[in-house]
Protein backbone atom coordinates (compact mmCIF):
# COMPACT_ATOMS: atom_id res chain seq x y z
CA ARG A 1 1.64 27.41 -17.30
CA THR A 2 2.30 23.98 -18.74
CA PRO A 3 3.19 22.68 -22.19
CA TYR A 4 -0.27 21.10 -22.33
CA GLU A 5 -3.52 22.79 -23.44
CA THR A 6 -5.70 20.85 -21.05
CA ARG A 7 -5.22 18.86 -17.76
CA ASP A 8 -6.66 15.79 -19.62
CA GLU A 9 -3.81 16.12 -22.21
CA ALA A 10 -1.21 16.25 -19.44
CA ASN A 11 -2.64 13.40 -17.48
CA LYS A 12 -2.94 11.29 -20.69
CA GLU A 13 0.65 11.71 -21.42
CA LEU A 14 1.48 10.96 -17.74
CA GLN A 15 -0.44 7.67 -17.94
CA GLU A 16 1.36 6.67 -21.14
CA THR A 17 4.89 7.49 -19.60
CA ALA A 18 4.32 5.99 -16.18
CA PRO A 19 2.27 2.81 -16.62
CA SER A 20 4.00 0.92 -13.74
CA LEU A 21 2.62 3.44 -11.20
CA LEU A 22 -0.38 2.55 -9.14
CA SER A 23 -3.02 5.16 -9.82
CA ILE A 24 -5.63 6.16 -7.36
CA THR A 25 -8.17 8.82 -8.09
CA ALA A 26 -10.28 10.09 -5.32
CA ALA A 27 -12.70 13.11 -5.36
CA ALA A 28 -11.95 15.42 -2.48
CA SER A 29 -15.72 15.52 -1.64
CA ALA A 30 -16.03 11.76 -1.44
CA PRO A 31 -17.32 10.49 1.99
CA PRO A 32 -14.70 9.18 4.37
CA ALA A 33 -14.07 5.40 4.51
CA PRO A 34 -11.93 4.58 7.49
CA THR A 35 -11.06 1.02 6.53
CA SER A 36 -7.94 -0.41 5.08
CA VAL A 37 -6.67 -3.59 3.51
CA ILE A 38 -5.73 -4.86 6.96
CA GLY A 39 -8.56 -3.46 9.06
CA PRO A 40 -9.64 -0.15 10.62
CA SER A 41 -7.11 2.62 9.84
CA TYR A 42 -5.87 4.72 12.80
CA HIS A 43 -3.52 6.78 10.72
CA GLU A 44 -3.44 10.27 9.42
CA TRP A 45 -1.64 11.37 6.23
CA LYS A 46 -0.29 14.92 6.02
CA TYR A 47 1.84 17.04 3.61
CA PHE A 48 3.99 20.06 4.28
CA ASP A 49 2.47 23.10 2.80
CA ASN A 50 3.96 26.37 1.54
CA ASP A 51 2.78 28.26 4.66
CA GLY A 52 5.12 26.03 6.80
CA SER A 53 2.29 23.91 8.30
CA TRP A 54 1.20 20.27 7.93
CA LYS A 55 -2.10 19.88 6.15
CA LEU A 56 -4.41 16.86 6.14
CA TYR A 57 -5.12 15.08 2.93
CA SER A 58 -8.87 14.70 2.13
CA PRO A 59 -10.75 11.79 3.78
CA ALA A 60 -10.90 9.92 0.51
CA HIS A 61 -7.13 10.45 -0.02
CA GLN A 62 -6.42 9.35 3.57
CA THR A 63 -8.06 5.95 2.82
CA SER A 64 -6.37 5.60 -0.52
CA LEU A 65 -2.93 6.44 0.75
CA GLU A 66 -3.27 4.19 3.68
CA ASN A 67 -4.39 1.21 1.59
CA ALA A 68 -1.63 1.69 -0.88
CA PHE A 69 0.95 2.25 1.92
CA GLN A 70 -0.13 -0.98 3.66
CA LEU A 71 0.11 -3.02 0.49
CA TRP A 72 3.68 -1.62 -0.20
CA ASP A 73 4.66 -2.17 3.50
CA MET A 74 3.54 -5.80 3.46
CA THR A 75 5.31 -6.62 0.17
CA LYS A 76 8.16 -4.03 0.02
CA ASN A 77 7.54 -4.27 -3.76
CA GLY A 78 9.43 -1.36 -5.35
CA LYS A 79 6.77 -1.01 -8.02
CA LEU A 80 4.26 -0.33 -5.20
CA SER A 81 6.30 2.36 -3.57
CA ARG A 82 4.64 5.03 -5.64
CA VAL A 83 1.06 6.05 -5.89
CA GLN A 84 -0.79 8.71 -7.71
CA ILE A 85 -3.65 10.85 -6.37
CA GLN A 86 -5.77 13.28 -8.28
CA THR A 87 -7.15 16.47 -6.94
CA ASP A 88 -9.51 18.85 -8.86
CA GLU A 89 -6.49 20.57 -10.27
CA TRP A 90 -3.28 18.53 -10.03
CA THR A 91 -1.95 14.97 -10.04
CA TYR A 92 0.56 14.08 -7.35
CA GLU A 93 2.92 11.11 -6.98
CA ILE A 94 3.53 10.01 -3.42
CA GLN A 95 6.70 7.99 -2.77
CA PHE A 96 6.36 5.92 0.33
CA ASP A 97 10.12 4.99 0.48
CA LYS A 98 11.02 8.72 0.41
CA MET A 99 7.96 10.00 2.16
CA THR A 100 7.53 12.70 -0.44
CA GLN A 101 4.84 14.12 -2.68
CA ARG A 102 5.60 15.55 -6.23
CA ASN A 103 3.30 17.39 -8.49
CA LEU A 104 3.44 15.70 -11.80
CA VAL A 105 1.54 18.23 -13.88
CA HIS A 106 3.06 21.52 -12.63
CA PRO A 107 6.20 22.51 -14.68
CA ASN A 108 8.21 22.92 -11.47
CA HIS A 109 7.30 19.45 -10.20
CA LYS A 110 7.32 20.80 -6.59
CA GLU A 111 8.29 18.18 -4.14
CA ARG A 112 6.92 18.27 -0.54
CA LYS A 113 7.46 16.12 2.58
CA VAL A 114 4.63 13.85 3.63
CA MET A 115 4.13 11.97 6.94
CA ARG A 116 1.96 9.27 8.31
CA LEU A 117 0.93 9.41 12.00
CA ASN A 118 -0.18 6.41 13.76
CA ALA A 119 -2.76 6.24 16.65
CA ARG A 120 -0.10 6.42 19.29
CA GLN A 121 1.37 9.50 17.68
CA LEU A 122 -1.99 11.00 17.29
CA SER A 123 -2.78 10.56 20.97
CA GLY A 124 0.36 12.47 22.03
CA CYS A 125 1.97 9.32 23.66
CA TRP A 126 5.07 9.14 21.51
CA ARG A 127 8.52 10.45 22.01
């Protein structure tokens, strides 16, 4: 499947080759924490799945993505435009400036669209 014998070996090389990326690891089973660097978060993060539908990130990843996004959005620092999240099986890089997610471990490096919905969009009051 990959040129690496273990996921740890692949992640180790990834960390060595991409030290400027902000890394966030969150267990999918972690309890939700709806706070952010600015205040309560009223946003949802989704990715476009193979079945043609938008899927929610886990609660822990929702918080991590929102915190990282707000930090990037406040500073517009290019080094902060990318964040990594870890699932049980894969490591993904989310690029806020392109609103994409890329699998860093899979040999195809599949790239998907991501979106961030705010409270107004979630309530159905947007055009």
